[in-house]
N, C-alpha and C. Protein backbone atom coordinates (compact mmCIF):
# COMPACT_ATOMS: atom_id res chain seq x y z
N MET A 1 12.87 23.87 -16.38
CA MET A 1 12.26 22.58 -16.09
C MET A 1 10.83 22.56 -16.62
N PRO A 2 10.43 21.47 -17.27
CA PRO A 2 9.06 21.42 -17.78
C PRO A 2 8.06 21.28 -16.66
N ALA A 3 6.98 21.99 -16.75
CA ALA A 3 5.92 21.90 -15.74
C ALA A 3 4.61 21.66 -16.45
N THR A 4 3.80 20.79 -15.87
CA THR A 4 2.49 20.52 -16.44
C THR A 4 1.47 20.47 -15.33
N GLY A 5 0.23 20.64 -15.69
CA GLY A 5 -0.84 20.53 -14.70
C GLY A 5 -1.06 21.80 -13.93
N LEU A 6 -2.13 21.81 -13.16
CA LEU A 6 -2.55 22.97 -12.40
C LEU A 6 -1.51 23.41 -11.38
N LEU A 7 -0.85 22.43 -10.73
CA LEU A 7 0.08 22.77 -9.67
C LEU A 7 1.53 22.83 -10.14
N GLY A 8 1.75 22.75 -11.46
CA GLY A 8 3.11 22.79 -11.95
C GLY A 8 3.86 21.51 -11.67
N PHE A 9 3.17 20.40 -11.64
CA PHE A 9 3.80 19.11 -11.36
C PHE A 9 4.81 18.80 -12.45
N SER A 10 5.95 18.31 -12.05
CA SER A 10 6.99 17.97 -13.00
C SER A 10 7.73 16.74 -12.51
N GLN A 11 7.97 15.79 -13.40
CA GLN A 11 8.70 14.58 -13.04
C GLN A 11 10.01 14.58 -13.81
N HIS A 12 11.12 14.52 -13.12
CA HIS A 12 12.41 14.71 -13.77
C HIS A 12 13.21 13.44 -13.94
N ILE A 13 12.95 12.43 -13.16
CA ILE A 13 13.83 11.27 -13.15
C ILE A 13 13.16 10.10 -13.85
N GLU A 14 13.82 9.57 -14.86
CA GLU A 14 13.33 8.38 -15.53
C GLU A 14 13.79 7.18 -14.72
N PRO A 15 12.88 6.24 -14.44
CA PRO A 15 13.17 5.20 -13.46
C PRO A 15 14.40 4.34 -13.73
N TYR A 16 14.78 4.10 -15.00
CA TYR A 16 15.86 3.15 -15.25
C TYR A 16 17.13 3.80 -15.78
N SER A 17 17.16 5.10 -15.86
CA SER A 17 18.34 5.73 -16.45
C SER A 17 19.31 6.29 -15.41
N HIS A 18 18.98 6.21 -14.15
CA HIS A 18 19.84 6.77 -13.11
C HIS A 18 19.98 5.80 -11.95
N SER A 19 21.13 5.86 -11.27
CA SER A 19 21.29 5.10 -10.04
C SER A 19 20.47 5.79 -8.95
N THR A 20 20.26 5.10 -7.85
CA THR A 20 19.52 5.69 -6.73
C THR A 20 20.22 6.93 -6.20
N GLU A 21 21.54 6.85 -6.10
CA GLU A 21 22.31 8.00 -5.60
C GLU A 21 22.15 9.20 -6.52
N THR A 22 22.24 8.97 -7.82
CA THR A 22 22.08 10.06 -8.79
C THR A 22 20.68 10.64 -8.72
N ALA A 23 19.68 9.78 -8.57
CA ALA A 23 18.29 10.24 -8.49
C ALA A 23 18.08 11.12 -7.26
N VAL A 24 18.61 10.70 -6.11
CA VAL A 24 18.47 11.48 -4.88
C VAL A 24 19.17 12.82 -5.02
N LEU A 25 20.35 12.82 -5.59
CA LEU A 25 21.08 14.08 -5.78
C LEU A 25 20.34 15.03 -6.73
N LYS A 26 19.71 14.47 -7.77
CA LYS A 26 18.94 15.28 -8.72
C LYS A 26 17.74 15.93 -8.03
N VAL A 27 17.02 15.14 -7.23
CA VAL A 27 15.86 15.68 -6.52
C VAL A 27 16.30 16.76 -5.54
N LEU A 28 17.36 16.48 -4.77
CA LEU A 28 17.86 17.47 -3.82
C LEU A 28 18.29 18.75 -4.53
N SER A 29 18.99 18.60 -5.63
CA SER A 29 19.42 19.76 -6.41
C SER A 29 18.22 20.57 -6.91
N ASP A 30 17.20 19.90 -7.44
CA ASP A 30 16.01 20.59 -7.92
C ASP A 30 15.31 21.36 -6.80
N ILE A 31 15.23 20.74 -5.63
CA ILE A 31 14.58 21.40 -4.50
C ILE A 31 15.38 22.63 -4.07
N LEU A 32 16.70 22.48 -3.97
CA LEU A 32 17.53 23.62 -3.55
C LEU A 32 17.49 24.76 -4.57
N LEU A 33 17.49 24.42 -5.86
CA LEU A 33 17.38 25.46 -6.89
C LEU A 33 16.04 26.19 -6.80
N ALA A 34 14.97 25.44 -6.53
CA ALA A 34 13.65 26.06 -6.40
C ALA A 34 13.60 26.98 -5.18
N ILE A 35 14.20 26.54 -4.08
CA ILE A 35 14.23 27.38 -2.86
C ILE A 35 15.04 28.65 -3.14
N ASP A 36 16.19 28.51 -3.79
CA ASP A 36 17.01 29.69 -4.12
C ASP A 36 16.26 30.67 -5.01
N ALA A 37 15.38 30.15 -5.87
CA ALA A 37 14.61 31.01 -6.77
C ALA A 37 13.31 31.49 -6.13
N ASP A 38 13.14 31.23 -4.83
CA ASP A 38 11.92 31.58 -4.10
C ASP A 38 10.67 30.94 -4.70
N ASP A 39 10.84 29.77 -5.32
CA ASP A 39 9.70 29.01 -5.84
C ASP A 39 9.18 28.08 -4.75
N LEU A 40 7.93 27.77 -4.85
CA LEU A 40 7.32 26.81 -3.93
C LEU A 40 7.73 25.41 -4.35
N SER A 41 8.16 24.60 -3.39
CA SER A 41 8.60 23.22 -3.68
C SER A 41 7.85 22.25 -2.79
N ALA A 42 7.55 21.10 -3.36
CA ALA A 42 6.93 20.03 -2.58
C ALA A 42 7.44 18.71 -3.13
N LEU A 43 7.73 17.79 -2.23
CA LEU A 43 8.16 16.46 -2.61
C LEU A 43 7.09 15.49 -2.12
N VAL A 44 6.45 14.80 -3.04
CA VAL A 44 5.40 13.85 -2.70
C VAL A 44 5.92 12.44 -2.96
N LEU A 45 5.90 11.61 -1.95
CA LEU A 45 6.39 10.24 -2.06
C LEU A 45 5.25 9.27 -1.73
N PRO A 46 4.51 8.83 -2.73
CA PRO A 46 3.39 7.93 -2.47
C PRO A 46 3.87 6.55 -2.01
N ASP A 47 3.13 5.96 -1.12
CA ASP A 47 3.44 4.62 -0.62
C ASP A 47 2.82 3.60 -1.57
N ARG A 48 3.65 2.89 -2.28
CA ARG A 48 3.14 1.89 -3.23
C ARG A 48 3.34 0.48 -2.71
N SER A 49 3.61 0.34 -1.43
CA SER A 49 3.87 -0.99 -0.87
C SER A 49 2.65 -1.89 -0.92
N ALA A 50 1.47 -1.32 -0.99
CA ALA A 50 0.25 -2.13 -1.03
C ALA A 50 -0.21 -2.43 -2.45
N ALA A 51 0.62 -2.13 -3.44
CA ALA A 51 0.21 -2.32 -4.84
C ALA A 51 -0.13 -3.77 -5.14
N PHE A 52 0.60 -4.72 -4.57
CA PHE A 52 0.34 -6.13 -4.85
C PHE A 52 -0.88 -6.66 -4.12
N ASP A 53 -1.45 -5.91 -3.19
CA ASP A 53 -2.67 -6.34 -2.53
C ASP A 53 -3.83 -6.40 -3.51
N MET A 54 -3.74 -5.69 -4.61
CA MET A 54 -4.83 -5.64 -5.57
C MET A 54 -4.65 -6.66 -6.70
N VAL A 55 -3.54 -7.39 -6.70
CA VAL A 55 -3.27 -8.37 -7.75
C VAL A 55 -3.95 -9.69 -7.42
N ASP A 56 -4.62 -10.27 -8.40
CA ASP A 56 -5.20 -11.60 -8.23
C ASP A 56 -4.04 -12.59 -8.28
N HIS A 57 -3.70 -13.19 -7.14
CA HIS A 57 -2.51 -14.02 -7.03
C HIS A 57 -2.60 -15.29 -7.87
N ASP A 58 -3.80 -15.85 -8.03
CA ASP A 58 -3.95 -17.03 -8.88
C ASP A 58 -3.59 -16.71 -10.33
N ILE A 59 -4.06 -15.57 -10.82
CA ILE A 59 -3.73 -15.16 -12.19
C ILE A 59 -2.23 -14.89 -12.31
N LEU A 60 -1.66 -14.23 -11.33
CA LEU A 60 -0.23 -13.94 -11.34
C LEU A 60 0.58 -15.22 -11.39
N LEU A 61 0.23 -16.19 -10.56
CA LEU A 61 0.97 -17.45 -10.53
C LEU A 61 0.86 -18.20 -11.86
N ARG A 62 -0.35 -18.24 -12.43
CA ARG A 62 -0.53 -18.88 -13.73
C ARG A 62 0.29 -18.19 -14.81
N ARG A 63 0.31 -16.87 -14.77
CA ARG A 63 1.06 -16.10 -15.76
C ARG A 63 2.56 -16.35 -15.64
N LEU A 64 3.05 -16.43 -14.41
CA LEU A 64 4.46 -16.72 -14.20
C LEU A 64 4.83 -18.11 -14.73
N GLN A 65 3.91 -19.07 -14.55
CA GLN A 65 4.15 -20.42 -15.05
C GLN A 65 4.14 -20.46 -16.58
N THR A 66 3.11 -19.91 -17.18
CA THR A 66 2.94 -20.05 -18.62
C THR A 66 3.82 -19.11 -19.43
N SER A 67 3.97 -17.90 -19.01
CA SER A 67 4.73 -16.93 -19.80
C SER A 67 6.23 -16.96 -19.53
N TYR A 68 6.60 -17.32 -18.31
CA TYR A 68 8.01 -17.23 -17.94
C TYR A 68 8.60 -18.56 -17.48
N ALA A 69 7.83 -19.64 -17.56
CA ALA A 69 8.28 -21.00 -17.21
C ALA A 69 8.84 -21.08 -15.79
N ILE A 70 8.26 -20.32 -14.89
CA ILE A 70 8.67 -20.38 -13.49
C ILE A 70 7.85 -21.45 -12.80
N SER A 71 8.54 -22.31 -12.06
CA SER A 71 7.84 -23.41 -11.39
C SER A 71 8.59 -23.85 -10.15
N GLY A 72 8.05 -24.86 -9.49
CA GLY A 72 8.70 -25.44 -8.34
C GLY A 72 8.83 -24.51 -7.16
N VAL A 73 9.98 -24.60 -6.51
CA VAL A 73 10.24 -23.82 -5.29
C VAL A 73 10.17 -22.32 -5.58
N VAL A 74 10.67 -21.91 -6.72
CA VAL A 74 10.68 -20.49 -7.08
C VAL A 74 9.25 -19.96 -7.13
N LEU A 75 8.33 -20.73 -7.72
CA LEU A 75 6.94 -20.31 -7.82
C LEU A 75 6.25 -20.32 -6.45
N GLN A 76 6.63 -21.25 -5.60
CA GLN A 76 6.02 -21.33 -4.28
C GLN A 76 6.40 -20.13 -3.45
């Protein structure tokens, strides 16, 4: 497995190439293989639920209207 960075961080799953079930099984498999090899394992799951709190909603709404022709009830 490729490792980069000081802590050996490695990202294995490409976001659009696997189903959720496949992604979970891949992560579980990687963790179990690391444990079997007596390697240190850590799973970090950052909370990105607040990501849209930083978006300027007026700009977002204008962009949806002009770039994607979204309007009316959908835009509201």
